[in-house]
Each structure stands twice: as structure tokens, then as C-alpha cells.
Amino acid sequence: MIISRTPLRMSFVGGGSDMPEFYRRHRGAVVSTAIDKYVYVNINRKFDGGIRLAYSKTEEIDAVSEIEHRLFKATFERIGLRGGVEIATIADIPSRGTGLGSSSTFTVGLINAVFAYLGSHVSAEKLGRLACEIEIERCGEPIGKQDQYAAAFGGLNLIEFNADDSVQVTPIIMPQDRREAFERRVLVFYTGLTRSASGILRQQSEAVAGDGAKREALTRMVGLAYAFRDALQEADFDGAGDILHENWALKKSLASGITSADIDGWYEAGMRAGAQGGKLLGAGAGGFLAFLAPPDRHAAIRAALPALRSVTFRFDPLGSRIIFYNPTTLEAVPLPDPRAGP
């Protein structure tokens, strides 16, 4: 039996610039952090040679070609896993459609667990790259690249997206006390609204490709990602709040459906109660609403948002990890060559 644990992520500034329609013409950049909420993937040998997959539903099939779940199927095909396995997944919080990068986190964790099952270690860079290939190229998801690399690497990072499709992950260097001071300023609420990011991201991508003003807005958001990094390193948390506020205003201009009257009302109530900036996590339209605010204003902000549930997130310095490995259960499994592929 093998178990991988992979963190979800919280994105602050620059979201949307990780889409290929943008970064292949203009360099993209985001600031995000892994958080202490996880997706777990458990893989074990199945005695009868079939395939059993347990997620929101259960699939019992005999061959890879019969798998319904697109990410499972694409991962099996890409890595060369033929069958004889049982895989189950669980998450710490309801993660689908909440803006925490759950789909990519699952894909990264699945790849990591499968490679360990095949007796091979895989680097964080390769985890991120393969997850992007599986989600974007093989499954055709209209998404960006930040979530895969955030889940694979962990930590608080500036992630840059280059025209040649390469990705550079650079940790934001801060003394521990400064990092903890920043973390204490983050206040997150669950809106209770869930949505599919694909439609919003597809609309955003098409709009940015065809609208110079929207491209200019996204270019400004890339600049804000670097400014946000600098503000954190200089302990200018008030300035970081202002940057987050500007980023959210620009984000809302990229596509319809990113926000709503309810979301705008909650955001404005939080700002009136003392927040310095905020945003919806992920593509928009629901999920989690995050603010930056001095800790002494958190109680007032919570009181101003009685309809929302406050949720505590801590930063996680680690990316996807194998937390349980018992290879003795894998004897006699017909395994493909784990060195196959890039």
C-alpha cells in the first residue's frame, strides 16, 4: 500500500496569467502558497487483476479503456499502468469547485502515488509538468499551470510562466517571524457557493486573446505579482493588502461571472470592517473568499459576515509527499518501466 498527501493551494495575485493564450505572448507570474488542507491518494494491488477506483463514485472495471474518470484514465495511459490496482481518494475539505486547485492537486497526488507504486521517485518539477500534460493536453481542460506546480512544490512562491511553456518556481524568502506575521493576516471564509472553473476560464481566455484592454489588465496583474512578492519580503503588509485589492478589481474585469452581487456585498462588508484587500480564491464565482487584514480587525470582519463560515488555513512548506510506503504488498504485480516518458 502507498499513500500520497498533496496540499491544496491559495493563490494571491496574478491568476489567469498562467493560461497559455496569455503567457506565450506575455510572460505570466503568480504568487501562491500551499496550505495545510490535503488530497490523499491510496493505491494498492488488487488481487484479481482488475481496476477499482473510489472517488465520488466507485468504478469496478477490467481494463484502462473502460475507465470513466478522465484524469484517472489519462494518468494510467500516460504512465503505462495497466491494471491490477485499487485506488481511493479522500480530501480534508470539500474541494471541488471551491477555488483551491483541487483537480490539479488530485492529479499531482495520483501521479506521485502511481510512480511510487511502480518503484520510482519523481521530482516536483516532473510532477508539475506531467500533471499539466495530463490535464491540459490529454484531457483538454481550459486551465492554467499554477495549481499543478503549487501542489507539486509546496511553499510560498513566485511562479513564472514562460513563452516556451517552461515554468520557474522561486520561493519567497522571508524570515520565519515575518512569514508567520503575514500568515496571521490572512482571513478566509467559505461562501458555500461552488462552481466549475472551466467555463469561467474558457471565457476569460477567449476575452483576453481578443481584447487589448483585458490583456493590459492581465499584464498589470503580472506586475502586481512581483510587487506583492517585494511587499512581503519588505514586511509591507499594508502595501500587500492594497495590491491584493487592486488585483481583485482587475480580475473582475476579465470576464463576466467572476463575481456576483452577493460576493461583491460580502467583499465590501469585509473592507468596511477593516480588511485591506481580498479576493475570491481560484477562477471566481464562489468557493473561498480571502482577506488580508490586521489581526486585531479579524473579529470585526467575522462579525460583518455572519452568513459565511470562517476557515483557518495555515501555510505548508511541503509539496506532494509519499507519507506511507509498504512495497511488500506489491509483489508479483506486472509493472511497466517507471523510467518511460520524459
Protein backbone atom coordinates (compact mmCIF):
# COMPACT_ATOMS: atom_id res chain seq x y z
CA MET A 1 0.00 0.00 0.00
CA ILE A 2 1.14 3.53 -0.83
CA ILE A 3 -0.43 6.85 0.23
CA SER A 4 0.39 10.26 -1.19
CA ARG A 5 -0.54 13.53 0.52
CA THR A 6 -0.75 16.63 -1.66
CA PRO A 7 -1.61 20.17 -0.49
CA LEU A 8 -4.30 22.39 -1.86
CA ARG A 9 -3.28 25.96 -2.61
CA MET A 10 -4.24 29.57 -2.01
CA SER A 11 -3.50 31.97 -4.88
CA PHE A 12 -2.98 35.66 -4.12
CA VAL A 13 -2.01 37.70 -7.18
CA GLY A 14 -1.61 37.16 -10.93
CA GLY A 15 -4.17 34.42 -11.50
CA GLY A 16 -5.06 33.99 -15.17
CA SER A 17 -1.59 34.83 -16.45
CA ASP A 18 -0.78 31.10 -16.27
CA MET A 19 -3.04 30.42 -19.26
CA PRO A 20 -1.11 29.58 -22.46
CA GLU A 21 -3.11 32.06 -24.53
CA PHE A 22 -1.51 34.79 -22.41
CA TYR A 23 1.94 33.64 -21.27
CA ARG A 24 3.03 32.53 -24.75
CA ARG A 25 2.74 36.19 -25.78
CA HIS A 26 3.41 37.90 -22.44
CA ARG A 27 5.25 36.33 -19.53
CA GLY A 28 2.94 35.24 -16.71
CA ALA A 29 3.52 35.27 -12.96
CA VAL A 30 1.53 34.45 -9.83
CA VAL A 31 2.12 34.40 -6.09
CA SER A 32 0.56 31.46 -4.26
CA THR A 33 1.07 29.23 -1.25
CA ALA A 34 0.33 25.62 -0.42
CA ILE A 35 -1.97 25.22 2.59
CA ASP A 36 -2.48 22.61 5.28
CA LYS A 37 -5.51 21.02 3.61
CA TYR A 38 -4.78 17.93 1.54
CA VAL A 39 -5.91 15.39 -1.01
CA TYR A 40 -4.85 11.82 -0.18
CA VAL A 41 -4.44 9.08 -2.79
CA ASN A 42 -4.22 5.48 -1.60
CA ILE A 43 -3.04 2.84 -4.10
CA ASN A 44 -2.78 -0.90 -3.52
CA ARG A 45 -2.56 -4.09 -5.53
CA LYS A 46 -5.93 -5.61 -6.47
CA PHE A 47 -5.85 -9.37 -6.15
CA ASP A 48 -7.94 -10.22 -9.24
CA GLY A 49 -6.09 -8.09 -11.81
CA GLY A 50 -8.97 -5.64 -12.34
CA ILE A 51 -9.23 -1.95 -11.53
CA ARG A 52 -11.19 -0.39 -8.69
CA LEU A 53 -11.37 3.40 -8.38
CA ALA A 54 -13.10 5.07 -5.44
CA TYR A 55 -13.75 8.82 -5.54
CA SER A 56 -17.18 10.50 -5.51
CA LYS A 57 -18.35 7.28 -7.18
CA THR A 58 -16.84 3.80 -7.46
CA GLU A 59 -15.70 2.22 -10.71
CA GLU A 60 -15.10 -1.53 -10.95
CA ILE A 61 -13.68 -2.28 -14.39
CA ASP A 62 -11.42 -4.77 -16.13
CA ALA A 63 -9.35 -2.52 -18.41
CA VAL A 64 -7.99 1.01 -18.66
CA SER A 65 -10.10 1.63 -21.76
CA GLU A 66 -13.24 1.27 -19.59
CA ILE A 67 -12.31 3.98 -17.04
CA GLU A 68 -14.86 6.81 -16.97
CA HIS A 69 -12.91 9.34 -14.86
CA ARG A 70 -10.85 11.27 -17.41
CA LEU A 71 -7.92 12.12 -15.13
CA PHE A 72 -7.57 8.54 -13.91
CA LYS A 73 -7.72 7.23 -17.45
CA ALA A 74 -5.25 9.75 -18.86
CA THR A 75 -2.81 9.10 -16.00
CA PHE A 76 -2.97 5.33 -16.47
CA GLU A 77 -2.38 5.75 -20.20
CA ARG A 78 0.41 8.31 -19.86
CA ILE A 79 2.42 6.38 -17.27
CA GLY A 80 1.60 2.91 -18.59
CA LEU A 81 -0.26 1.43 -15.63
CA ARG A 82 -2.33 -1.44 -16.99
CA GLY A 83 -4.42 -2.65 -14.07
CA GLY A 84 -4.39 -4.87 -11.04
CA VAL A 85 -4.77 -1.86 -8.76
CA GLU A 86 -7.21 -0.33 -6.33
CA ILE A 87 -7.09 3.44 -5.80
CA ALA A 88 -9.09 5.51 -3.34
CA THR A 89 -9.04 9.28 -2.78
CA ILE A 90 -10.18 11.50 0.09
CA ALA A 91 -9.85 15.22 0.81
CA ASP A 92 -9.68 17.20 4.05
CA ILE A 93 -12.38 19.64 2.96
CA PRO A 94 -15.00 19.78 0.21
CA SER A 95 -12.60 20.82 -2.50
CA ARG A 96 -14.27 20.54 -5.90
CA GLY A 97 -15.34 23.91 -7.25
CA THR A 98 -14.02 25.87 -4.27
CA GLY A 99 -11.04 27.63 -5.84
CA LEU A 100 -8.28 25.71 -4.05
CA GLY A 101 -6.90 23.90 -7.08
CA SER A 102 -8.41 20.54 -6.14
CA SER A 103 -8.39 18.96 -9.60
CA SER A 104 -4.70 19.65 -10.13
CA THR A 105 -3.89 18.66 -6.55
CA PHE A 106 -5.60 15.33 -7.15
CA THR A 107 -3.72 14.82 -10.43
CA VAL A 108 -0.33 15.59 -8.84
CA GLY A 109 -1.06 13.26 -5.92
CA LEU A 110 -2.23 10.50 -8.26
CA ILE A 111 0.91 10.73 -10.39
CA ASN A 112 3.11 10.71 -7.30
CA ALA A 113 1.37 7.64 -5.88
CA VAL A 114 1.48 5.75 -9.18
CA PHE A 115 5.21 6.37 -9.64
CA ALA A 116 5.86 5.19 -6.09
CA TYR A 117 3.74 2.11 -6.83
CA LEU A 118 6.00 1.49 -9.82
CA GLY A 119 9.05 1.78 -7.58
CA SER A 120 10.25 5.16 -8.84
CA HIS A 121 10.78 8.59 -7.31
CA VAL A 122 9.54 11.58 -9.30
CA SER A 123 10.77 15.15 -8.84
CA ALA A 124 8.50 18.10 -8.05
CA GLU A 125 9.29 19.59 -11.46
CA LYS A 126 8.26 16.40 -13.26
CA LEU A 127 5.12 16.10 -11.13
CA GLY A 128 4.03 19.59 -12.14
CA ARG A 129 4.93 19.08 -15.79
CA LEU A 130 3.15 15.72 -16.13
CA ALA A 131 0.06 17.00 -14.31
CA CYS A 132 -0.13 19.90 -16.79
CA GLU A 133 0.27 17.49 -19.71
CA ILE A 134 -2.47 15.21 -18.43
CA GLU A 135 -4.99 17.95 -17.56
CA ILE A 136 -4.37 20.44 -20.36
CA GLU A 137 -3.06 18.44 -23.32
CA ARG A 138 -4.62 15.00 -22.83
CA CYS A 139 -7.91 15.97 -21.17
CA GLY A 140 -8.31 19.33 -22.88
CA GLU A 141 -9.10 21.29 -19.72
CA PRO A 142 -9.08 25.08 -20.35
CA ILE A 143 -6.98 25.76 -17.27
CA GLY A 144 -3.61 27.25 -16.40
CA LYS A 145 -0.44 25.82 -14.86
CA GLN A 146 -0.13 27.39 -11.45
CA ASP A 147 -2.14 24.82 -9.47
CA GLN A 148 -0.10 21.83 -10.61
CA TYR A 149 3.22 23.42 -9.68
CA ALA A 150 1.91 24.82 -6.39
CA ALA A 151 0.77 21.33 -5.37
CA ALA A 152 3.99 19.68 -6.51
CA PHE A 153 6.44 22.13 -4.91
CA GLY A 154 4.57 23.40 -1.85
CA GLY A 155 5.58 26.55 0.00
CA LEU A 156 5.01 30.25 -0.67
CA ASN A 157 6.29 31.00 -4.17
CA LEU A 158 6.50 33.30 -7.12
CA ILE A 159 5.67 31.05 -10.09
CA GLU A 160 6.61 32.32 -13.56
CA PHE A 161 5.29 31.06 -16.91
CA ASN A 162 7.46 31.48 -19.98
CA ALA A 163 6.65 31.63 -23.69
CA ASP A 164 8.43 28.30 -24.28
CA ASP A 165 5.99 26.63 -21.81
CA SER A 166 8.67 26.27 -19.13
CA VAL A 167 7.75 27.12 -15.54
CA GLN A 168 10.02 28.58 -12.87
CA VAL A 169 9.15 28.23 -9.18
CA THR A 170 11.01 30.63 -6.87
CA PRO A 171 10.43 30.53 -3.09
CA ILE A 172 9.67 33.89 -1.49
CA ILE A 173 12.47 34.31 1.03
CA MET A 174 11.30 35.71 4.36
CA PRO A 175 12.42 35.27 7.98
CA GLN A 176 10.17 32.87 9.84
CA ASP A 177 8.68 35.56 12.09
CA ARG A 178 7.79 37.68 9.04
CA ARG A 179 6.19 34.74 7.27
CA GLU A 180 4.14 33.98 10.38
CA ALA A 181 3.11 37.63 10.66
CA PHE A 182 1.85 37.52 7.07
CA GLU A 183 0.04 34.25 7.69
CA ARG A 184 -1.72 35.75 10.71
CA ARG A 185 -3.15 38.49 8.49
CA VAL A 186 -4.88 36.04 6.15
CA LEU A 187 -8.58 35.56 6.92
CA VAL A 188 -10.62 33.11 4.82
CA PHE A 189 -14.37 32.48 4.57
CA TYR A 190 -16.28 29.71 2.83
CA THR A 191 -19.08 31.21 0.74
CA GLY A 192 -20.97 27.94 0.35
CA LEU A 193 -21.05 28.51 -3.40
CA THR A 194 -19.37 26.04 -5.73
CA ARG A 195 -18.80 26.29 -9.45
CA SER A 196 -16.95 24.77 -12.36
CA ALA A 197 -13.86 26.80 -13.17
CA SER A 198 -13.69 25.53 -16.76
CA GLY A 199 -16.41 27.75 -18.17
CA ILE A 200 -15.12 30.89 -16.46
CA LEU A 201 -11.53 30.20 -17.51
CA ARG A 202 -12.54 29.45 -21.10
CA GLN A 203 -14.47 32.73 -21.30
CA GLN A 204 -11.58 34.61 -19.69
CA SER A 205 -9.04 33.09 -22.07
CA GLU A 206 -11.11 33.97 -25.12
CA ALA A 207 -11.69 37.50 -23.86
CA VAL A 208 -8.02 38.13 -23.12
CA ALA A 209 -7.00 36.79 -26.52
CA GLY A 210 -9.35 39.14 -28.35
CA ASP A 211 -9.47 42.24 -26.17
CA GLY A 212 -6.47 44.54 -25.80
CA ALA A 213 -7.85 46.18 -22.66
CA LYS A 214 -8.22 42.82 -20.93
CA ARG A 215 -4.69 41.82 -21.96
CA GLU A 216 -3.47 45.10 -20.48
CA ALA A 217 -5.33 44.34 -17.24
CA LEU A 218 -3.76 40.90 -17.02
CA THR A 219 -0.33 42.35 -17.81
CA ARG A 220 -0.83 44.74 -14.90
CA MET A 221 -1.73 41.77 -12.68
CA VAL A 222 1.57 40.13 -13.58
CA GLY A 223 3.35 43.29 -12.46
CA LEU A 224 1.36 43.16 -9.23
CA ALA A 225 2.61 39.62 -8.58
CA TYR A 226 6.20 40.92 -8.47
CA ALA A 227 5.11 43.92 -6.38
CA PHE A 228 3.30 41.59 -3.96
CA ARG A 229 6.43 39.45 -3.62
CA ASP A 230 8.50 42.55 -2.88
CA ALA A 231 5.98 43.83 -0.32
CA LEU A 232 6.09 40.51 1.54
CA GLN A 233 9.87 40.45 1.58
CA GLU A 234 9.93 44.02 2.91
CA ALA A 235 7.23 43.25 5.54
CA ASP A 236 5.00 45.91 3.96
CA PHE A 237 1.77 44.07 4.72
CA ASP A 238 -0.38 47.20 4.36
CA GLY A 239 1.02 47.60 0.85
CA ALA A 240 0.36 43.92 0.15
CA GLY A 241 -3.28 44.48 1.07
CA ASP A 242 -3.54 47.39 -1.37
CA ILE A 243 -2.00 45.23 -4.11
CA LEU A 244 -4.46 42.42 -3.42
CA HIS A 245 -7.36 44.87 -3.63
CA GLU A 246 -6.18 46.22 -7.00
CA ASN A 247 -5.63 42.69 -8.29
CA TRP A 248 -9.22 41.74 -7.42
CA ALA A 249 -10.60 44.80 -9.20
CA LEU A 250 -8.62 43.87 -12.31
CA LYS A 251 -9.58 40.20 -12.03
CA LYS A 252 -13.29 41.07 -12.06
CA SER A 253 -12.84 42.96 -15.32
CA LEU A 254 -11.54 39.93 -17.23
CA ALA A 255 -14.81 38.01 -17.66
CA SER A 256 -18.44 38.07 -16.61
CA GLY A 257 -19.41 35.59 -13.94
CA ILE A 258 -16.25 36.02 -11.85
CA THR A 259 -18.24 37.83 -9.20
CA SER A 260 -21.90 38.39 -8.22
CA ALA A 261 -23.99 40.79 -6.19
CA ASP A 262 -23.65 38.55 -3.11
CA ILE A 263 -19.89 38.22 -3.49
CA ASP A 264 -19.47 41.97 -4.02
CA GLY A 265 -21.60 42.63 -0.95
CA TRP A 266 -19.51 40.30 1.21
CA TYR A 267 -16.30 41.82 -0.08
CA GLU A 268 -17.45 45.37 0.60
CA ALA A 269 -18.63 44.41 4.10
CA GLY A 270 -15.22 42.91 4.86
CA MET A 271 -13.43 46.00 3.59
CA ARG A 272 -15.64 48.32 5.67
CA ALA A 273 -14.86 46.20 8.74
CA GLY A 274 -11.12 46.69 8.35
CA ALA A 275 -9.75 44.43 5.62
CA GLN A 276 -7.04 45.98 3.45
CA GLY A 277 -7.63 43.79 0.39
CA GLY A 278 -9.07 40.49 -0.67
CA LYS A 279 -10.22 38.21 -3.47
CA LEU A 280 -12.07 35.05 -4.31
CA LEU A 281 -9.68 32.13 -4.48
CA GLY A 282 -9.50 30.44 -7.87
CA ALA A 283 -11.35 31.37 -11.04
CA GLY A 284 -14.20 33.14 -9.26
CA ALA A 285 -17.99 32.84 -8.83
CA GLY A 286 -17.77 31.05 -5.47
CA GLY A 287 -15.60 28.98 -3.21
CA PHE A 288 -13.49 30.75 -0.61
CA LEU A 289 -13.23 34.50 -0.04
CA ALA A 290 -9.87 35.61 1.38
CA PHE A 291 -8.90 38.91 3.01
CA LEU A 292 -5.69 40.46 4.25
CA ALA A 293 -6.30 42.38 7.46
CA PRO A 294 -4.52 43.28 10.70
CA PRO A 295 -5.23 40.52 13.23
CA ASP A 296 -7.00 42.99 15.54
CA ARG A 297 -9.65 43.53 12.82
CA HIS A 298 -10.44 39.85 12.27
CA ALA A 299 -13.19 39.70 14.89
CA ALA A 300 -14.95 42.72 13.36
CA ILE A 301 -14.70 41.24 9.86
CA ARG A 302 -16.16 37.94 11.06
CA ALA A 303 -19.00 39.82 12.73
CA ALA A 304 -19.66 41.69 9.49
CA LEU A 305 -20.02 38.42 7.57
CA PRO A 306 -22.36 36.27 9.72
CA ALA A 307 -23.62 34.30 6.72
CA LEU A 308 -20.13 32.97 5.92
CA ARG A 309 -18.06 30.39 7.77
CA SER A 310 -14.56 31.40 8.78
CA VAL A 311 -11.96 28.73 7.97
CA THR A 312 -8.38 28.65 9.23
CA PHE A 313 -5.68 27.86 6.68
CA ARG A 314 -2.01 27.53 7.55
CA PHE A 315 0.78 27.67 5.01
CA ASP A 316 2.51 24.40 4.16
CA PRO A 317 6.19 24.43 3.11
CA LEU A 318 5.98 20.98 1.52
CA GLY A 319 4.53 19.80 -1.76
CA SER A 320 3.21 16.36 -2.67
CA ARG A 321 4.70 13.65 -0.45
CA ILE A 322 4.54 9.88 -0.10
CA ILE A 323 3.52 9.52 3.53
CA PHE A 324 3.12 5.73 3.62
CA TYR A 325 5.09 3.21 1.59
CA ASN A 326 4.84 -0.55 2.04
CA PRO A 327 6.29 -2.18 -1.08
CA THR A 328 5.85 -5.72 0.29
CA THR A 329 2.22 -5.59 -0.82
CA LEU A 330 3.29 -5.00 -4.42
CA GLU A 331 4.93 -8.36 -5.06
CA ALA A 332 4.05 -10.12 -8.31
CA VAL A 333 2.42 -7.03 -9.82
CA PRO A 334 3.23 -6.73 -13.57
CA LEU A 335 4.72 -3.24 -13.61
CA PRO A 336 5.65 -1.07 -16.60
CA ASP A 337 9.05 0.60 -16.80
CA PRO A 338 8.85 3.65 -14.47
CA ARG A 339 11.60 5.36 -16.47
CA ALA A 340 9.35 5.65 -19.52
CA GLY A 341 8.41 9.09 -20.68
CA PRO A 342 10.09 12.48 -20.19
